[in-house]
């Protein structure tokens, strides 16, 4: 059964500004995400933008907003085939359990200066 759906759209320019503020990046992104994004070189801001959109979409799907867990407790990774997936850490795991969620589905896309993410939570 679907428990929640969330979507978020973000302009990549926002992340372009954040890249020059390392303290801001470490506040919102898991260390693994930052390492992956840095390996992408010029497309670092795009990588971070789509991942930030995924975090926001997850919070919307759970109906909690950003009050229940830290965004850096939500890690967006790619599996061996490149499919994006969400890994939860810390309080984010507890929040999903309280919500009754068992599986998170994630879709990411970007075009020019926009990044979009959609999350579906099943229970």
Protein backbone atom coordinates (compact mmCIF):
# COMPACT_ATOMS: atom_id res chain seq x y z
CA UNK A 1 0.00 0.00 0.00
CA UNK A 2 1.24 3.49 -0.84
CA UNK A 3 1.59 5.58 2.31
CA UNK A 4 3.00 8.77 0.83
CA UNK A 5 4.16 10.53 -2.31
CA UNK A 6 6.47 13.52 -2.41
CA UNK A 7 7.98 15.60 -5.18
CA UNK A 8 10.46 18.47 -5.17
CA UNK A 9 11.96 20.75 -7.82
CA UNK A 10 15.15 22.71 -7.31
CA UNK A 11 17.12 25.14 -9.46
CA UNK A 12 20.72 23.98 -9.85
CA UNK A 13 21.90 27.59 -9.44
CA UNK A 14 21.04 27.31 -5.75
CA UNK A 15 23.60 24.53 -5.34
CA UNK A 16 26.15 26.47 -7.41
CA UNK A 17 26.08 29.07 -4.62
CA UNK A 18 26.24 26.40 -1.89
CA UNK A 19 29.34 24.70 -3.36
CA UNK A 20 31.42 27.67 -2.20
CA UNK A 21 30.12 27.25 1.38
CA UNK A 22 31.51 23.93 2.71
CA UNK A 23 29.84 24.38 6.11
CA UNK A 24 26.46 24.57 4.45
CA UNK A 25 27.13 21.41 2.43
CA UNK A 26 28.16 19.39 5.49
CA UNK A 27 24.99 20.55 7.26
CA UNK A 28 22.68 19.05 4.63
CA UNK A 29 24.57 16.22 2.92
CA UNK A 30 25.86 12.85 4.11
CA UNK A 31 29.67 12.59 3.82
CA UNK A 32 29.27 9.83 1.21
CA UNK A 33 27.12 12.10 -0.95
CA UNK A 34 29.69 14.88 -0.78
CA UNK A 35 32.50 12.50 -1.76
CA UNK A 36 30.47 11.21 -4.72
CA UNK A 37 29.56 14.73 -5.83
CA UNK A 38 33.16 15.95 -5.67
CA UNK A 39 34.20 13.09 -7.97
CA UNK A 40 31.76 14.44 -10.55
CA UNK A 41 33.83 17.60 -11.00
CA UNK A 42 31.95 20.24 -12.99
CA UNK A 43 28.61 18.51 -12.44
CA UNK A 44 28.97 18.62 -8.64
CA UNK A 45 26.22 21.22 -8.21
CA UNK A 46 23.84 19.23 -10.40
CA UNK A 47 24.51 16.06 -8.41
CA UNK A 48 23.88 17.85 -5.12
CA UNK A 49 20.76 19.62 -6.41
CA UNK A 50 19.02 16.41 -7.43
CA UNK A 51 19.99 14.78 -4.13
CA UNK A 52 18.70 17.72 -2.10
CA UNK A 53 15.43 17.52 -4.04
CA UNK A 54 15.23 13.81 -3.10
CA UNK A 55 15.60 14.65 0.60
CA UNK A 56 12.84 17.26 0.40
CA UNK A 57 10.59 14.86 -1.53
CA UNK A 58 11.12 12.20 1.16
CA UNK A 59 10.15 14.62 3.93
CA UNK A 60 7.01 15.56 1.99
CA UNK A 61 6.12 11.90 1.38
CA UNK A 62 6.37 11.16 5.11
CA UNK A 63 4.43 14.31 5.97
CA UNK A 64 6.99 15.31 8.57
CA UNK A 65 8.66 18.20 6.85
CA UNK A 66 12.20 18.69 8.07
CA UNK A 67 11.44 18.62 11.79
CA UNK A 68 11.88 14.91 12.52
CA UNK A 69 15.38 14.21 11.17
CA UNK A 70 18.47 15.84 9.75
CA UNK A 71 18.81 15.97 5.98
CA UNK A 72 22.30 14.52 6.20
CA UNK A 73 20.71 11.38 7.70
CA UNK A 74 19.19 10.80 4.25
CA UNK A 75 21.78 9.51 1.78
CA UNK A 76 21.08 9.23 -1.94
CA UNK A 77 23.23 6.60 -3.64
CA UNK A 78 23.25 4.82 -6.97
CA UNK A 79 23.14 1.04 -7.09
CA UNK A 80 25.50 -0.92 -9.34
CA UNK A 81 23.21 -0.30 -12.32
CA UNK A 82 22.98 3.43 -11.63
CA UNK A 83 19.45 3.41 -10.17
CA UNK A 84 19.10 6.01 -7.40
CA UNK A 85 18.19 4.75 -3.95
CA UNK A 86 17.74 6.29 -0.52
CA UNK A 87 19.64 5.01 2.52
CA UNK A 88 18.48 6.26 5.89
CA UNK A 89 20.58 6.80 9.00
CA UNK A 90 19.85 7.80 12.60
CA UNK A 91 16.52 9.45 13.35
CA UNK A 92 15.43 9.18 9.71
CA UNK A 93 15.17 5.39 10.15
CA UNK A 94 12.99 5.82 13.25
CA UNK A 95 10.79 8.35 11.47
CA UNK A 96 10.17 6.00 8.56
CA UNK A 97 9.32 3.15 10.95
CA UNK A 98 6.85 5.31 12.91
CA UNK A 99 5.27 6.29 9.60
CA UNK A 100 4.89 2.60 8.77
CA UNK A 101 7.14 2.75 5.72
CA UNK A 102 8.87 -0.39 4.50
CA UNK A 103 10.14 0.55 1.07
CA UNK A 104 11.15 3.83 -0.55
CA UNK A 105 11.02 4.31 -4.31
CA UNK A 106 12.99 7.20 -5.79
CA UNK A 107 13.09 8.77 -9.23
CA UNK A 108 15.47 11.61 -10.13
CA UNK A 109 15.73 13.76 -13.23
CA UNK A 110 17.37 16.99 -14.35
CA UNK A 111 17.22 19.24 -17.36
CA UNK A 112 19.33 22.33 -17.88
CA UNK A 113 19.03 24.28 -14.62
CA UNK A 114 16.33 22.22 -12.90
CA UNK A 115 16.52 19.07 -10.79
CA UNK A 116 13.47 17.08 -9.74
CA UNK A 117 12.90 14.12 -7.42
CA UNK A 118 9.88 11.99 -6.68
CA UNK A 119 9.53 9.63 -3.72
CA UNK A 120 6.90 6.97 -3.12
CA UNK A 121 6.76 5.23 0.26
CA UNK A 122 5.15 1.83 0.58
CA UNK A 123 3.98 0.28 3.83
